[in-house]
Amino acid sequence: MKTEVIITNSQRKIKVTEKLESLITNACDATLRNEGFAHDAEVNVTLVSDRKIKEYNSRFRGINKSTDVLSFPMGENDEYDVNPENGAYMLGDVVLSLEHAVAQAEEFGHSFEREAAYLTVHSMLHLLGYDHVNDEQERKIMRGREEQVMELLDLRR
């Protein structure tokens, strides 16, 4: 299994380093491995400002406020389009507010790197079909999966 993570930095407030890009890529890859995803995969990750994620949240979810991360899955019921150029399953898009990640890291008392990785893992699980919004049992399952991946990344609480 090969994971191609296409990272686009569309904000200017938080410096995006190679280390951060590597962390995001590793978080995507670790999530897929933990879930037993056996295919080559492609994921788009866009790093944005709070202002931009608020626009997306308003446009796509009807919620006129900033949020930490948004997921736009391309698959449904384990069915994904395949990129004809590389044969990878196109999982979808992750939109991550780095400003929100910085604020939440401070709020929760852990590193920015842990928060950015956690938000990436959380969003990847959404791309794979997990949904915690209306189902408490699903929320618990998803939370357990997130913690498993964070342990794989050696970023425990």
C-alpha atoms as a PDB file:
ATOM      1  CA  MET A   1       0.000   0.000   0.000  1.00  0.00           C
ATOM      2  CA  LYS A   2       1.260   3.424  -0.966  1.00  0.00           C
ATOM      3  CA  THR A   3      -0.311   6.648   0.281  1.00  0.00           C
ATOM      4  CA  GLU A   4       0.048   9.844  -1.717  1.00  0.00           C
ATOM      5  CA  VAL A   5      -0.768  12.890   0.372  1.00  0.00           C
ATOM      6  CA  ILE A   6      -0.996  16.121  -1.586  1.00  0.00           C
ATOM      7  CA  ILE A   7      -0.532  19.033   0.837  1.00  0.00           C
ATOM      8  CA  THR A   8      -1.438  22.563  -0.194  1.00  0.00           C
ATOM      9  CA  ASN A   9      -0.653  25.457   2.122  1.00  0.00           C
ATOM     10  CA  SER A  10      -3.268  28.170   1.531  1.00  0.00           C
ATOM     11  CA  GLN A  11      -2.544  30.252   4.635  1.00  0.00           C
ATOM     12  CA  ARG A  12       0.265  32.517   5.776  1.00  0.00           C
ATOM     13  CA  LYS A  13      -0.092  32.778   9.561  1.00  0.00           C
ATOM     14  CA  ILE A  14       1.507  29.493  10.654  1.00  0.00           C
ATOM     15  CA  LYS A  15       4.821  28.367   9.189  1.00  0.00           C
ATOM     16  CA  VAL A  16       4.515  25.031   7.388  1.00  0.00           C
ATOM     17  CA  THR A  17       7.727  23.054   7.738  1.00  0.00           C
ATOM     18  CA  GLU A  18       8.852  19.825   6.128  1.00  0.00           C
ATOM     19  CA  LYS A  19       8.467  18.259   9.571  1.00  0.00           C
ATOM     20  CA  LEU A  20       4.785  19.267   9.690  1.00  0.00           C
ATOM     21  CA  GLU A  21       4.178  17.997   6.171  1.00  0.00           C
ATOM     22  CA  SER A  22       5.870  14.709   7.083  1.00  0.00           C
ATOM     23  CA  LEU A  23       3.755  14.432  10.238  1.00  0.00           C
ATOM     24  CA  ILE A  24       0.523  14.945   8.267  1.00  0.00           C
ATOM     25  CA  THR A  25       1.607  12.371   5.683  1.00  0.00           C
ATOM     26  CA  ASN A  26       2.538   9.880   8.422  1.00  0.00           C
ATOM     27  CA  ALA A  27      -0.813  10.459  10.163  1.00  0.00           C
ATOM     28  CA  CYS A  28      -2.664   9.684   6.917  1.00  0.00           C
ATOM     29  CA  ASP A  29      -0.574   6.580   6.288  1.00  0.00           C
ATOM     30  CA  ALA A  30      -0.850   5.307   9.879  1.00  0.00           C
ATOM     31  CA  THR A  31      -4.632   5.716   9.817  1.00  0.00           C
ATOM     32  CA  LEU A  32      -4.928   3.679   6.633  1.00  0.00           C
ATOM     33  CA  ARG A  33      -2.615   0.955   7.980  1.00  0.00           C
ATOM     34  CA  ASN A  34      -4.512   0.795  11.274  1.00  0.00           C
ATOM     35  CA  GLU A  35      -7.790   0.456   9.382  1.00  0.00           C
ATOM     36  CA  GLY A  36      -6.391  -2.316   7.189  1.00  0.00           C
ATOM     37  CA  PHE A  37      -6.824  -0.287   4.013  1.00  0.00           C
ATOM     38  CA  ALA A  38      -4.985  -2.441   1.494  1.00  0.00           C
ATOM     39  CA  HIS A  39      -5.047  -0.220  -1.596  1.00  0.00           C
ATOM     40  CA  ASP A  40      -2.904   2.626  -2.818  1.00  0.00           C
ATOM     41  CA  ALA A  41      -4.592   5.824  -1.697  1.00  0.00           C
ATOM     42  CA  GLU A  42      -4.612   9.500  -2.537  1.00  0.00           C
ATOM     43  CA  VAL A  43      -5.629  12.251  -0.114  1.00  0.00           C
ATOM     44  CA  ASN A  44      -5.655  16.022  -0.554  1.00  0.00           C
ATOM     45  CA  VAL A  45      -4.872  18.087   2.547  1.00  0.00           C
ATOM     46  CA  THR A  46      -5.339  21.850   2.396  1.00  0.00           C
ATOM     47  CA  LEU A  47      -3.983  23.974   5.233  1.00  0.00           C
ATOM     48  CA  VAL A  48      -6.074  27.099   5.724  1.00  0.00           C
ATOM     49  CA  SER A  49      -6.709  30.067   8.003  1.00  0.00           C
ATOM     50  CA  ASP A  50      -9.622  30.303  10.425  1.00  0.00           C
ATOM     51  CA  ARG A  51     -11.270  32.815   8.100  1.00  0.00           C
ATOM     52  CA  LYS A  52     -11.134  30.392   5.167  1.00  0.00           C
ATOM     53  CA  ILE A  53     -12.363  27.364   7.118  1.00  0.00           C
ATOM     54  CA  LYS A  54     -15.250  29.483   8.409  1.00  0.00           C
ATOM     55  CA  GLU A  55     -16.193  30.200   4.774  1.00  0.00           C
ATOM     56  CA  TYR A  56     -16.064  26.474   3.932  1.00  0.00           C
ATOM     57  CA  ASN A  57     -18.012  25.534   7.052  1.00  0.00           C
ATOM     58  CA  SER A  58     -20.701  28.060   6.182  1.00  0.00           C
ATOM     59  CA  ARG A  59     -20.899  27.083   2.514  1.00  0.00           C
ATOM     60  CA  PHE A  60     -20.849  23.299   2.906  1.00  0.00           C
ATOM     61  CA  ARG A  61     -22.373  22.715   6.351  1.00  0.00           C
ATOM     62  CA  GLY A  62     -24.478  25.830   6.913  1.00  0.00           C
ATOM     63  CA  ILE A  63     -22.567  26.607  10.121  1.00  0.00           C
ATOM     64  CA  ASN A  64     -21.283  30.182  10.131  1.00  0.00           C
ATOM     65  CA  LYS A  65     -18.285  29.725  12.432  1.00  0.00           C
ATOM     66  CA  SER A  66     -14.710  28.574  12.334  1.00  0.00           C
ATOM     67  CA  THR A  67     -13.881  24.934  13.008  1.00  0.00           C
ATOM     68  CA  ASP A  68     -10.718  22.869  13.286  1.00  0.00           C
ATOM     69  CA  VAL A  69     -10.990  20.440  10.377  1.00  0.00           C
ATOM     70  CA  LEU A  70     -13.415  19.522   7.605  1.00  0.00           C
ATOM     71  CA  SER A  71     -13.581  16.272   5.669  1.00  0.00           C
ATOM     72  CA  PHE A  72     -14.918  15.835   2.174  1.00  0.00           C
ATOM     73  CA  PRO A  73     -15.051  12.097   1.425  1.00  0.00           C
ATOM     74  CA  MET A  74     -15.118  10.973  -2.191  1.00  0.00           C
ATOM     75  CA  GLY A  75     -16.154   7.415  -1.389  1.00  0.00           C
ATOM     76  CA  GLU A  76     -19.203   5.778   0.037  1.00  0.00           C
ATOM     77  CA  ASN A  77     -19.676   2.264   1.440  1.00  0.00           C
ATOM     78  CA  ASP A  78     -16.024   1.424   0.718  1.00  0.00           C
ATOM     79  CA  GLU A  79     -16.444   2.407  -2.954  1.00  0.00           C
ATOM     80  CA  TYR A  80     -13.921   4.947  -4.234  1.00  0.00           C
ATOM     81  CA  ASP A  81     -13.033   6.440  -7.573  1.00  0.00           C
ATOM     82  CA  VAL A  82      -9.622   5.371  -8.819  1.00  0.00           C
ATOM     83  CA  ASN A  83      -7.114   7.847 -10.202  1.00  0.00           C
ATOM     84  CA  PRO A  84      -6.374   6.511 -13.702  1.00  0.00           C
ATOM     85  CA  GLU A  85      -2.859   7.986 -13.612  1.00  0.00           C
ATOM     86  CA  ASN A  86      -1.633   6.026 -10.597  1.00  0.00           C
ATOM     87  CA  GLY A  87      -4.347   3.500  -9.694  1.00  0.00           C
ATOM     88  CA  ALA A  88      -4.798   5.030  -6.232  1.00  0.00           C
ATOM     89  CA  TYR A  89      -8.174   5.143  -4.519  1.00  0.00           C
ATOM     90  CA  MET A  90      -9.144   8.817  -4.218  1.00  0.00           C
ATOM     91  CA  LEU A  91     -10.317   9.131  -0.620  1.00  0.00           C
ATOM     92  CA  GLY A  92     -11.183  12.828  -0.592  1.00  0.00           C
ATOM     93  CA  ASP A  93     -10.142  16.133   0.885  1.00  0.00           C
ATOM     94  CA  VAL A  94      -9.096  17.303   4.332  1.00  0.00           C
ATOM     95  CA  VAL A  95      -9.230  21.023   5.124  1.00  0.00           C
ATOM     96  CA  LEU A  96      -7.291  21.842   8.281  1.00  0.00           C
ATOM     97  CA  SER A  97      -7.170  25.211  10.068  1.00  0.00           C
ATOM     98  CA  LEU A  98      -3.668  25.577  11.459  1.00  0.00           C
ATOM     99  CA  GLU A  99      -4.771  28.567  13.564  1.00  0.00           C
ATOM    100  CA  HIS A 100      -7.407  26.388  15.193  1.00  0.00           C
ATOM    101  CA  ALA A 101      -4.842  23.631  15.758  1.00  0.00           C
ATOM    102  CA  VAL A 102      -2.528  26.087  17.551  1.00  0.00           C
ATOM    103  CA  ALA A 103      -5.363  27.354  19.770  1.00  0.00           C
ATOM    104  CA  GLN A 104      -6.601  23.852  20.608  1.00  0.00           C
ATOM    105  CA  ALA A 105      -3.087  22.626  21.413  1.00  0.00           C
ATOM    106  CA  GLU A 106      -2.814  25.453  23.961  1.00  0.00           C
ATOM    107  CA  GLU A 107      -6.310  24.748  25.303  1.00  0.00           C
ATOM    108  CA  PHE A 108      -5.656  21.018  25.730  1.00  0.00           C
ATOM    109  CA  GLY A 109      -2.098  21.449  27.008  1.00  0.00           C
ATOM    110  CA  HIS A 110      -0.245  19.476  24.367  1.00  0.00           C
ATOM    111  CA  SER A 111       1.941  20.210  21.363  1.00  0.00           C
ATOM    112  CA  PHE A 112       0.839  21.739  18.092  1.00  0.00           C
ATOM    113  CA  GLU A 113       2.259  18.661  16.367  1.00  0.00           C
ATOM    114  CA  ARG A 114       0.026  16.328  18.385  1.00  0.00           C
ATOM    115  CA  GLU A 115      -3.029  18.446  17.620  1.00  0.00           C
ATOM    116  CA  ALA A 116      -2.278  18.662  13.889  1.00  0.00           C
ATOM    117  CA  ALA A 117      -1.745  14.886  13.744  1.00  0.00           C
ATOM    118  CA  TYR A 118      -4.906  14.190  15.754  1.00  0.00           C
ATOM    119  CA  LEU A 119      -7.028  16.408  13.496  1.00  0.00           C
ATOM    120  CA  THR A 120      -5.557  14.687  10.444  1.00  0.00           C
ATOM    121  CA  VAL A 121      -6.320  11.227  11.868  1.00  0.00           C
ATOM    122  CA  HIS A 122      -9.842  12.322  12.817  1.00  0.00           C
ATOM    123  CA  SER A 123     -10.485  13.622   9.326  1.00  0.00           C
ATOM    124  CA  MET A 124      -8.994  10.537   7.680  1.00  0.00           C
ATOM    125  CA  LEU A 125     -11.437   8.365   9.626  1.00  0.00           C
ATOM    126  CA  HIS A 126     -14.256  10.499   8.235  1.00  0.00           C
ATOM    127  CA  LEU A 127     -12.888   9.899   4.725  1.00  0.00           C
ATOM    128  CA  LEU A 128     -13.075   6.174   5.484  1.00  0.00           C
ATOM    129  CA  GLY A 129     -16.736   6.412   6.458  1.00  0.00           C
ATOM    130  CA  TYR A 130     -16.749   7.008  10.213  1.00  0.00           C
ATOM    131  CA  ASP A 131     -19.344   9.494  11.443  1.00  0.00           C
ATOM    132  CA  HIS A 132     -19.649  10.548  15.077  1.00  0.00           C
ATOM    133  CA  VAL A 133     -22.214  13.306  14.701  1.00  0.00           C
ATOM    134  CA  ASN A 134     -25.481  11.446  15.329  1.00  0.00           C
ATOM    135  CA  ASP A 135     -24.375   8.160  16.865  1.00  0.00           C
ATOM    136  CA  GLU A 136     -22.821   7.852  20.334  1.00  0.00           C
ATOM    137  CA  GLN A 137     -21.622   4.291  19.703  1.00  0.00           C
ATOM    138  CA  GLU A 138     -19.914   5.346  16.464  1.00  0.00           C
ATOM    139  CA  ARG A 139     -18.313   8.263  18.334  1.00  0.00           C
ATOM    140  CA  LYS A 140     -16.811   5.844  20.876  1.00  0.00           C
ATOM    141  CA  ILE A 141     -15.530   3.529  18.151  1.00  0.00           C
ATOM    142  CA  MET A 142     -14.023   6.444  16.249  1.00  0.00           C
ATOM    143  CA  ARG A 143     -12.384   7.810  19.400  1.00  0.00           C
ATOM    144  CA  GLY A 144     -10.775   4.427  20.070  1.00  0.00           C
ATOM    145  CA  ARG A 145      -9.429   4.269  16.519  1.00  0.00           C
ATOM    146  CA  GLU A 146      -8.017   7.781  16.846  1.00  0.00           C
ATOM    147  CA  GLU A 147      -6.156   6.811  20.009  1.00  0.00           C
ATOM    148  CA  GLN A 148      -4.788   3.645  18.367  1.00  0.00           C
ATOM    149  CA  VAL A 149      -3.318   5.695  15.520  1.00  0.00           C
ATOM    150  CA  MET A 150      -1.944   8.334  17.875  1.00  0.00           C
ATOM    151  CA  GLU A 151      -0.136   5.541  19.738  1.00  0.00           C
ATOM    152  CA  LEU A 152       1.294   4.275  16.438  1.00  0.00           C
ATOM    153  CA  LEU A 153       2.594   7.813  15.843  1.00  0.00           C
ATOM    154  CA  ASP A 154       3.977   7.902  19.410  1.00  0.00           C
ATOM    155  CA  LEU A 155       1.812  10.944  20.169  1.00  0.00           C
ATOM    156  CA  ARG A 156      -0.158   9.734  23.166  1.00  0.00           C
ATOM    157  CA  ARG A 157      -1.937  12.102  25.497  1.00  0.00           C
END
